[in-house]
Amino acid sequence: MKCVEDPAEKYFSSKVTRRDRAVFEAGIAIGTAVHQFVGTPLKSLEDVKVLEEFIKRSLMAQPCREHVEVKISAEFPKRPPPYDYTTLRPEHLDLTVVVNYKGSRVKARLKYIPKLGYTLGYIEDLEEEP
């Protein structure tokens, strides 16, 4: 959903542009995904699908979110019950979030980058309406 009216705008510095605010909101979404959900126990592919949908819904509930995609690629250990589960780690997440703040659209991504050995949050694209 494109944010047109923003009652919180008056609390931000007048130096903050529409683009700055869109990037800020995208960062909040990525931070939420990592810091809220990492550590969640997962026992099955059904759990993965439920968590993907829940993360998507929770991020879409935040202001100015236009689109969210969540993919989790967890591997399940071959251990006997009751210890046959894993927990969500940052490298399991592949997340895309699109924020539209008053016509400034940011596409941000959270993805494990093997070359860096790190799950990186980054801006994949920026667009601005005049």
Protein backbone atom coordinates (compact mmCIF):
# COMPACT_ATOMS: atom_id res chain seq x y z
CA MET A 1 0.00 0.00 0.00
CA LYS A 2 1.36 3.40 -0.95
CA CYS A 3 1.55 5.79 1.99
CA VAL A 4 0.00 9.09 1.02
CA GLU A 5 -0.95 10.61 4.38
CA ASP A 6 1.40 10.09 7.31
CA PRO A 7 0.43 11.40 10.74
CA ALA A 8 3.93 10.51 12.04
CA GLU A 9 5.70 12.65 9.44
CA LYS A 10 5.83 15.66 11.77
CA TYR A 11 8.16 13.75 14.12
CA PHE A 12 10.82 13.25 11.44
CA SER A 13 13.37 15.95 10.62
CA SER A 14 12.35 18.25 7.79
CA LYS A 15 15.63 17.17 6.15
CA VAL A 16 14.29 13.60 5.69
CA THR A 17 13.22 13.07 2.08
CA ARG A 18 10.52 10.71 0.78
CA ARG A 19 13.31 8.46 -0.41
CA ASP A 20 15.02 8.52 3.01
CA ARG A 21 11.77 7.55 4.67
CA ALA A 22 11.11 4.69 2.22
CA VAL A 23 14.60 3.31 2.89
CA PHE A 24 14.08 3.70 6.64
CA GLU A 25 10.80 1.75 6.48
CA ALA A 26 12.43 -1.01 4.41
CA GLY A 27 15.19 -1.30 7.01
CA ILE A 28 12.61 -1.69 9.75
CA ALA A 29 10.99 -4.55 7.84
CA ILE A 30 14.28 -6.39 7.33
CA GLY A 31 15.30 -5.85 10.95
CA THR A 32 11.94 -7.17 12.11
CA ALA A 33 12.31 -10.35 10.08
CA VAL A 34 15.76 -11.11 11.46
CA HIS A 35 15.37 -10.06 15.07
CA GLN A 36 11.80 -11.17 15.64
CA PHE A 37 11.80 -14.61 13.97
CA VAL A 38 15.34 -16.02 14.11
CA GLY A 39 15.35 -18.83 16.64
CA THR A 40 11.82 -20.01 15.84
CA PRO A 41 11.66 -23.83 16.14
CA LEU A 42 10.80 -25.68 12.91
CA LYS A 43 9.99 -29.39 12.70
CA SER A 44 8.50 -29.83 9.22
CA LEU A 45 8.01 -28.29 5.79
CA GLU A 46 4.49 -27.43 6.91
CA ASP A 47 6.01 -25.36 9.74
CA VAL A 48 8.18 -23.58 7.16
CA LYS A 49 5.17 -22.68 5.00
CA VAL A 50 3.21 -21.41 8.02
CA LEU A 51 6.17 -19.30 9.20
CA GLU A 52 6.75 -17.88 5.70
CA GLU A 53 3.10 -16.78 5.57
CA PHE A 54 3.19 -15.38 9.10
CA ILE A 55 6.36 -13.35 8.45
CA LYS A 56 4.82 -12.02 5.24
CA ARG A 57 1.60 -11.03 7.01
CA SER A 58 3.43 -9.39 9.90
CA LEU A 59 5.61 -7.30 7.58
CA MET A 60 2.63 -6.34 5.41
CA ALA A 61 0.90 -5.08 8.58
CA GLN A 62 3.58 -2.39 8.94
CA PRO A 63 3.06 1.01 7.25
CA CYS A 64 3.70 1.60 3.55
CA ARG A 65 4.34 -2.03 2.59
CA GLU A 66 3.42 -2.75 -1.01
CA HIS A 67 4.73 -6.30 -1.39
CA VAL A 68 6.55 -8.93 0.67
CA GLU A 69 7.99 -12.29 -0.38
CA VAL A 70 9.47 -14.73 2.14
CA LYS A 71 11.31 -17.96 1.37
CA ILE A 72 12.80 -20.15 4.07
CA SER A 73 15.31 -22.86 3.15
CA ALA A 74 15.80 -24.76 6.40
CA GLU A 75 17.38 -28.19 6.56
CA PHE A 76 16.01 -30.64 9.07
CA PRO A 77 18.40 -32.72 11.15
CA LYS A 78 18.30 -36.50 11.08
CA ARG A 79 17.91 -37.00 14.81
CA PRO A 80 15.48 -39.17 16.73
CA PRO A 81 12.40 -37.56 18.30
CA PRO A 82 11.92 -35.42 20.31
CA TYR A 83 15.09 -33.62 19.09
CA ASP A 84 14.32 -33.83 15.36
CA TYR A 85 13.79 -30.11 14.79
CA THR A 86 15.83 -27.11 13.80
CA THR A 87 15.62 -23.39 14.49
CA LEU A 88 15.38 -20.60 11.96
CA ARG A 89 18.75 -18.97 11.31
CA PRO A 90 19.40 -15.79 9.30
CA GLU A 91 20.97 -17.77 6.46
CA HIS A 92 17.67 -19.63 5.98
CA LEU A 93 15.86 -16.42 5.03
CA ASP A 94 15.40 -14.96 1.57
CA LEU A 95 13.17 -11.93 1.94
CA THR A 96 12.05 -9.21 -0.44
CA VAL A 97 10.07 -6.19 0.75
CA VAL A 98 8.76 -3.30 -1.33
CA VAL A 99 7.95 -0.06 0.48
CA ASN A 100 6.18 2.86 -1.18
CA TYR A 101 6.35 6.11 0.75
CA LYS A 102 4.57 8.91 -1.10
CA GLY A 103 5.80 7.70 -4.48
CA SER A 104 9.33 6.74 -3.46
CA ARG A 105 9.52 2.98 -3.88
CA VAL A 106 12.30 0.89 -2.37
CA LYS A 107 12.84 -2.79 -3.03
CA ALA A 108 14.97 -4.22 -0.23
CA ARG A 109 16.32 -7.73 0.17
CA LEU A 110 17.63 -9.95 2.91
CA LYS A 111 19.60 -12.90 1.59
CA TYR A 112 22.50 -15.13 2.54
CA ILE A 113 25.51 -14.31 0.35
CA PRO A 114 27.90 -17.31 0.35
CA LYS A 115 30.83 -15.21 -0.90
CA LEU A 116 30.46 -12.97 2.16
CA GLY A 117 29.48 -15.79 4.53
CA TYR A 118 26.80 -13.40 5.76
CA THR A 119 23.06 -12.75 5.53
CA LEU A 120 22.99 -9.28 4.00
CA GLY A 121 20.19 -6.74 4.05
CA TYR A 122 20.50 -4.42 1.07
CA ILE A 123 18.63 -2.13 -1.32
CA GLU A 124 17.96 -3.89 -4.58
CA ASP A 125 16.18 -1.05 -6.38
CA LEU A 126 14.92 2.53 -5.95
CA GLU A 127 12.25 4.35 -7.96
CA GLU A 128 10.80 7.82 -7.48
CA GLU A 129 7.67 9.37 -8.88
CA PRO A 130 8.03 13.07 -9.63
